[in-house]
Protein backbone atom coordinates (compact mmCIF):
# COMPACT_ATOMS: atom_id res chain seq x y z
CA MET A 1 8.33 -5.15 -43.94
CA ALA A 2 6.93 -1.65 -43.35
CA ARG A 3 8.10 -0.02 -40.12
CA ASN A 4 5.67 1.49 -37.65
CA ILE A 5 5.75 5.24 -37.09
CA GLN A 6 7.17 5.76 -33.61
CA SER A 7 5.31 9.00 -32.85
CA LEU A 8 1.98 7.35 -33.65
CA GLU A 9 2.83 4.35 -31.49
CA ARG A 10 3.66 6.70 -28.61
CA ALA A 11 0.43 8.67 -29.09
CA ALA A 12 -1.60 5.44 -29.11
CA ALA A 13 0.15 4.25 -25.95
CA MET A 14 -0.60 7.59 -24.31
CA LEU A 15 -4.31 7.33 -25.15
CA ARG A 16 -4.45 3.78 -23.79
CA LEU A 17 -2.74 4.97 -20.60
CA LEU A 18 -5.28 7.76 -20.09
CA ALA A 19 -8.15 5.39 -20.92
CA GLY A 20 -7.01 2.88 -18.32
CA GLY A 21 -6.83 5.25 -15.39
CA GLU A 22 -9.58 6.44 -13.08
CA ARG A 23 -8.06 9.88 -12.60
CA ARG A 24 -6.33 12.59 -14.54
CA LEU A 25 -2.59 12.16 -15.05
CA GLY A 26 0.13 14.77 -14.91
CA LEU A 27 2.91 15.21 -17.45
CA SER A 28 5.54 13.60 -15.19
CA GLU A 29 3.33 10.57 -14.54
CA ILE A 30 2.65 10.06 -18.24
CA ALA A 31 6.30 10.48 -19.22
CA SER A 32 7.43 8.08 -16.50
CA ALA A 33 4.82 5.43 -17.30
CA LEU A 34 5.77 5.43 -20.99
CA ASP A 35 9.50 5.89 -20.43
CA LEU A 36 9.56 9.13 -22.40
CA ALA A 37 11.40 12.39 -21.92
CA LYS A 38 9.12 15.11 -20.58
CA GLY A 39 9.68 17.23 -23.67
CA THR A 40 8.67 14.37 -25.95
CA ALA A 41 5.60 13.54 -23.89
CA HIS A 42 4.56 17.17 -23.77
CA GLY A 43 4.83 17.53 -27.55
CA ILE A 44 2.60 14.52 -28.14
CA LEU A 45 0.09 15.68 -25.56
CA ARG A 46 -0.03 19.14 -27.10
CA THR A 47 -0.79 17.64 -30.54
CA LEU A 48 -3.47 15.33 -29.15
CA GLN A 49 -4.99 18.24 -27.28
CA ALA A 50 -5.11 20.36 -30.44
CA GLU A 51 -7.02 17.56 -32.19
CA GLY A 52 -9.47 17.19 -29.30
CA PHE A 53 -8.30 13.70 -28.30
CA VAL A 54 -6.90 14.92 -24.97
CA GLU A 55 -8.06 17.65 -22.58
CA GLN A 56 -6.05 19.45 -19.90
CA ASP A 57 -7.62 20.53 -16.64
CA SER A 58 -6.95 24.25 -16.30
CA ALA A 59 -6.67 24.13 -12.50
CA SER A 60 -4.40 21.13 -12.00
CA GLY A 61 -2.68 20.94 -15.39
CA ARG A 62 -3.46 17.20 -15.55
CA TYR A 63 -4.62 15.41 -18.68
CA GLN A 64 -7.60 13.24 -19.53
CA LEU A 65 -9.24 11.85 -22.68
CA GLY A 66 -11.03 14.42 -24.83
CA ALA A 67 -14.52 14.64 -26.28
CA GLU A 68 -13.38 13.91 -29.84
CA LEU A 69 -12.60 10.30 -28.87
CA LEU A 70 -16.11 9.96 -27.47
CA ARG A 71 -17.57 11.29 -30.71
CA LEU A 72 -15.54 8.86 -32.80
CA GLY A 73 -16.44 5.98 -30.51
CA ASN A 74 -20.14 6.80 -30.68
CA SER A 75 -19.91 7.01 -34.47
CA TYR A 76 -18.46 3.50 -34.59
CA LEU A 77 -21.09 2.17 -32.20
CA ASP A 78 -23.90 3.82 -34.19
CA VAL A 79 -22.76 2.24 -37.45
CA HIS A 80 -22.22 -1.12 -35.77
CA GLU A 81 -25.70 -1.06 -34.23
CA LEU A 82 -27.25 0.12 -37.49
CA ARG A 83 -25.75 -2.80 -39.40
CA ALA A 84 -26.66 -5.30 -36.69
CA ARG A 85 -30.27 -4.13 -36.58
CA ALA A 86 -30.56 -4.15 -40.37
CA LEU A 87 -29.23 -7.66 -41.05
CA VAL A 88 -32.53 -9.56 -40.96
CA TRP A 89 -34.57 -6.85 -42.66
CA THR A 90 -32.11 -6.34 -45.52
CA ASP A 91 -31.96 -10.10 -46.11
CA ASP A 92 -35.76 -10.14 -46.33
CA LEU A 93 -35.73 -7.15 -48.71
CA ALA A 94 -33.25 -8.83 -51.05
CA ARG A 95 -35.35 -11.98 -51.03
CA SER A 96 -38.65 -10.23 -51.69
CA SER A 97 -37.32 -7.78 -54.29
CA GLY A 98 -34.94 -10.14 -56.07
CA GLU A 99 -32.35 -7.34 -56.14
CA SER A 100 -29.20 -6.41 -54.26
CA VAL A 101 -29.58 -4.31 -51.12
CA HIS A 102 -27.19 -1.65 -49.83
CA LEU A 103 -27.01 0.07 -46.45
CA GLY A 104 -25.17 3.40 -46.49
CA VAL A 105 -24.07 6.15 -44.11
CA LEU A 106 -22.58 9.61 -44.59
CA HIS A 107 -18.78 9.63 -44.79
CA GLN A 108 -16.40 12.27 -46.17
CA GLN A 109 -18.80 13.97 -48.60
CA GLY A 110 -20.10 10.64 -49.86
CA VAL A 111 -22.03 7.50 -48.99
CA LEU A 112 -20.09 4.68 -47.33
CA ILE A 113 -21.59 1.25 -47.96
CA VAL A 114 -21.57 -0.56 -44.61
CA HIS A 115 -23.67 -3.59 -45.58
CA HIS A 116 -24.43 -5.28 -48.90
CA VAL A 117 -26.78 -8.20 -49.52
CA PHE A 118 -26.27 -9.93 -52.87
CA ARG A 119 -29.05 -10.31 -55.40
CA PRO A 120 -30.54 -13.74 -54.62
CA ASP A 121 -29.60 -15.51 -57.85
CA ASP A 122 -26.55 -17.40 -59.05
CA SER A 123 -24.96 -14.48 -60.90
CA ARG A 124 -21.41 -13.43 -60.10
CA GLN A 125 -21.38 -10.36 -57.85
CA VAL A 126 -18.76 -8.26 -56.07
CA LEU A 127 -19.10 -7.33 -52.39
CA GLU A 128 -19.29 -3.54 -52.13
CA VAL A 129 -18.92 -3.08 -48.37
CA GLY A 130 -16.45 -0.21 -47.89
CA ALA A 131 -17.17 1.31 -51.30
CA MET A 132 -18.04 4.98 -51.62
CA GLN A 133 -20.96 6.38 -53.62
CA PRO A 134 -21.71 10.03 -54.49
CA LEU A 135 -24.28 11.97 -52.51
CA HIS A 136 -25.84 13.91 -55.37
CA SER A 137 -26.71 11.17 -57.86
CA THR A 138 -27.41 7.94 -55.96
CA ALA A 139 -30.67 7.09 -54.25
CA LEU A 140 -28.86 6.48 -50.96
CA GLY A 141 -27.05 9.80 -51.24
CA LYS A 142 -30.15 11.80 -52.06
CA VAL A 143 -31.94 10.36 -49.04
CA LEU A 144 -29.06 11.28 -46.74
CA ALA A 145 -28.79 14.78 -48.23
CA ALA A 146 -32.55 15.29 -47.96
CA TYR A 147 -32.91 14.28 -44.33
CA ASP A 148 -29.51 14.97 -42.73
CA PRO A 149 -28.49 18.67 -42.55
CA VAL A 150 -24.80 17.71 -42.38
CA ALA A 151 -25.11 15.52 -45.48
CA HIS A 152 -27.03 18.32 -47.19
CA ASN A 153 -24.18 20.76 -46.63
CA GLU A 154 -21.62 18.16 -47.71
CA ALA A 155 -23.53 17.56 -50.95
CA LEU A 156 -23.68 21.27 -51.70
CA GLU A 157 -19.98 21.81 -50.99
CA ALA A 158 -18.74 18.75 -52.86
CA GLU A 159 -18.10 18.65 -56.60
CA ARG A 160 -21.23 17.26 -58.24
CA LYS A 161 -19.85 15.32 -61.19
CA THR A 162 -21.81 14.42 -64.29
CA PHE A 163 -21.89 10.64 -64.67
CA THR A 164 -24.61 10.27 -67.31
CA VAL A 165 -26.92 12.54 -69.30
CA HIS A 166 -29.45 12.15 -66.46
CA THR A 167 -27.21 13.37 -63.61
CA VAL A 168 -28.53 16.47 -61.85
CA THR A 169 -25.67 18.83 -60.92
CA GLY A 170 -27.07 22.38 -60.73
CA THR A 171 -27.66 23.68 -57.22
CA ASP A 172 -31.27 24.78 -57.73
CA ASP A 173 -32.18 21.60 -59.60
CA PHE A 174 -30.50 19.48 -56.94
CA GLU A 175 -32.41 21.28 -54.16
CA GLY A 176 -35.59 20.53 -56.11
CA VAL A 177 -34.66 16.84 -56.17
CA LEU A 178 -34.17 16.89 -52.39
CA ASP A 179 -37.55 18.60 -51.89
CA LEU A 180 -39.16 15.86 -53.97
CA THR A 181 -37.29 13.18 -52.01
CA ARG A 182 -38.62 14.52 -48.71
CA ALA A 183 -42.15 14.87 -50.09
CA ARG A 184 -42.19 11.28 -51.38
CA GLY A 185 -40.26 9.72 -48.50
CA TYR A 186 -37.75 7.99 -50.77
CA GLY A 187 -34.87 8.73 -53.12
CA ALA A 188 -34.58 7.60 -56.74
CA ASP A 189 -31.72 7.08 -59.16
CA VAL A 190 -32.67 6.00 -62.67
CA GLU A 191 -29.46 5.88 -64.71
CA GLU A 192 -28.11 9.03 -63.01
CA THR A 193 -24.97 7.33 -61.71
CA TRP A 194 -24.58 4.23 -63.90
CA GLU A 195 -26.18 3.64 -67.29
CA GLY A 196 -28.65 0.78 -67.22
CA ILE A 197 -28.88 0.78 -63.41
CA ALA A 198 -31.69 2.09 -61.21
CA SER A 199 -32.15 2.23 -57.46
CA VAL A 200 -34.57 3.37 -54.78
CA ALA A 201 -33.72 4.16 -51.14
CA ALA A 202 -35.39 5.31 -47.93
CA PRO A 203 -34.10 6.91 -44.72
CA ILE A 204 -33.40 5.13 -41.43
CA HIS A 205 -33.87 7.04 -38.16
CA ASP A 206 -32.63 6.32 -34.65
CA ARG A 207 -34.32 6.65 -31.25
CA ARG A 208 -33.80 10.42 -31.39
CA ARG A 209 -35.59 10.45 -34.75
CA MET A 210 -32.33 11.55 -36.34
CA PRO A 211 -31.37 10.18 -39.79
CA VAL A 212 -28.51 7.69 -39.34
CA GLY A 213 -28.41 5.97 -42.70
CA ALA A 214 -30.30 4.83 -45.76
CA VAL A 215 -31.26 1.48 -47.24
CA GLY A 216 -32.01 0.76 -50.87
CA VAL A 217 -32.28 -1.76 -53.67
CA THR A 218 -30.28 -1.56 -56.88
CA GLY A 219 -30.67 -3.43 -60.14
CA ALA A 220 -31.05 -3.31 -63.90
CA VAL A 221 -33.47 -0.65 -65.14
CA GLU A 222 -35.66 -3.21 -66.86
CA ARG A 223 -36.21 -5.01 -63.55
CA VAL A 224 -36.42 -2.08 -61.14
CA CYS A 225 -38.57 0.11 -63.39
CA ARG A 226 -41.82 -0.39 -65.28
CA ASP A 227 -42.83 1.95 -68.11
CA GLY A 228 -39.96 4.27 -67.18
CA GLU A 229 -40.98 4.59 -63.53
CA LEU A 230 -39.75 2.81 -60.40
CA ARG A 231 -41.98 -0.14 -59.57
CA PRO A 232 -44.41 0.88 -56.78
CA GLU A 233 -44.04 -2.48 -55.02
CA LEU A 234 -40.27 -1.99 -54.80
CA ILE A 235 -40.70 1.50 -53.37
CA ALA A 236 -43.12 0.13 -50.77
CA ALA A 237 -40.78 -2.73 -49.85
CA VAL A 238 -37.79 -0.40 -49.39
CA ARG A 239 -39.79 2.01 -47.25
CA ASP A 240 -41.14 -0.86 -45.13
CA CYS A 241 -37.59 -2.11 -44.59
CA ALA A 242 -36.38 1.35 -43.55
CA ARG A 243 -39.28 1.71 -41.11
CA ALA A 244 -38.59 -1.73 -39.63
CA VAL A 245 -34.91 -0.95 -39.03
CA SER A 246 -35.85 2.45 -37.59
CA ARG A 247 -38.28 0.80 -35.17
CA ASP A 248 -35.56 -1.64 -34.08
CA LEU A 249 -33.33 1.37 -33.42
CA GLY A 250 -36.02 2.82 -31.17
CA ALA A 251 -37.49 5.40 -33.52
CA GLY A 252 -41.08 4.27 -33.04
CA ARG A 253 -43.63 4.58 -35.83
CA PHE A 254 -43.10 6.87 -38.83
């Protein structure tokens, strides 16, 4: 059985202690409550402070939880709310389109799939929740990079790999793709990431009108495209789904 890392256990206990109190705590109080030597407690606090998880009041020298924990917590809540609000609409999209539906968010220079609705047939499929997709070649990724400045920078800084002969990797060409994505209001991927597979995606915005994710359908080229172009009815259905989720998140009409 793998053993837990003691320093991480102590750091977690320290964060829980600070989270449970209604006031700032001093070094002696923290060390005493956790049965730690002051030197050990101070070392952990100093590391947590450097990472932004703990803050020290300059006047009193006491410690409290830092802003980085709030940011991480809000990130979790945002993704959780996004998925919860999208459940009904993505189910409807899968039913109406006959294709699989993915909900993605920006994560570590890629797209993290946070929700996946299977194609509504009896074919064998693999759940892709937790999978990562590239920003530069997928429809979901292009939408995020087009509408989210952070995702845009991540896409430019990341290595843009060539997956097929259709993958766009050059910086100027990629910027042109993003301009087109914004102008059309949706992102496209026709065999740019996987041969024989096409997808279309649209952005989801929150109550601040900030892009928080993207939703899209993915399927075989012969089903998703007609005469080499994405089917207009699929594009409309994806955009309607994105607008519906955005409205449920408080974004109003787009």
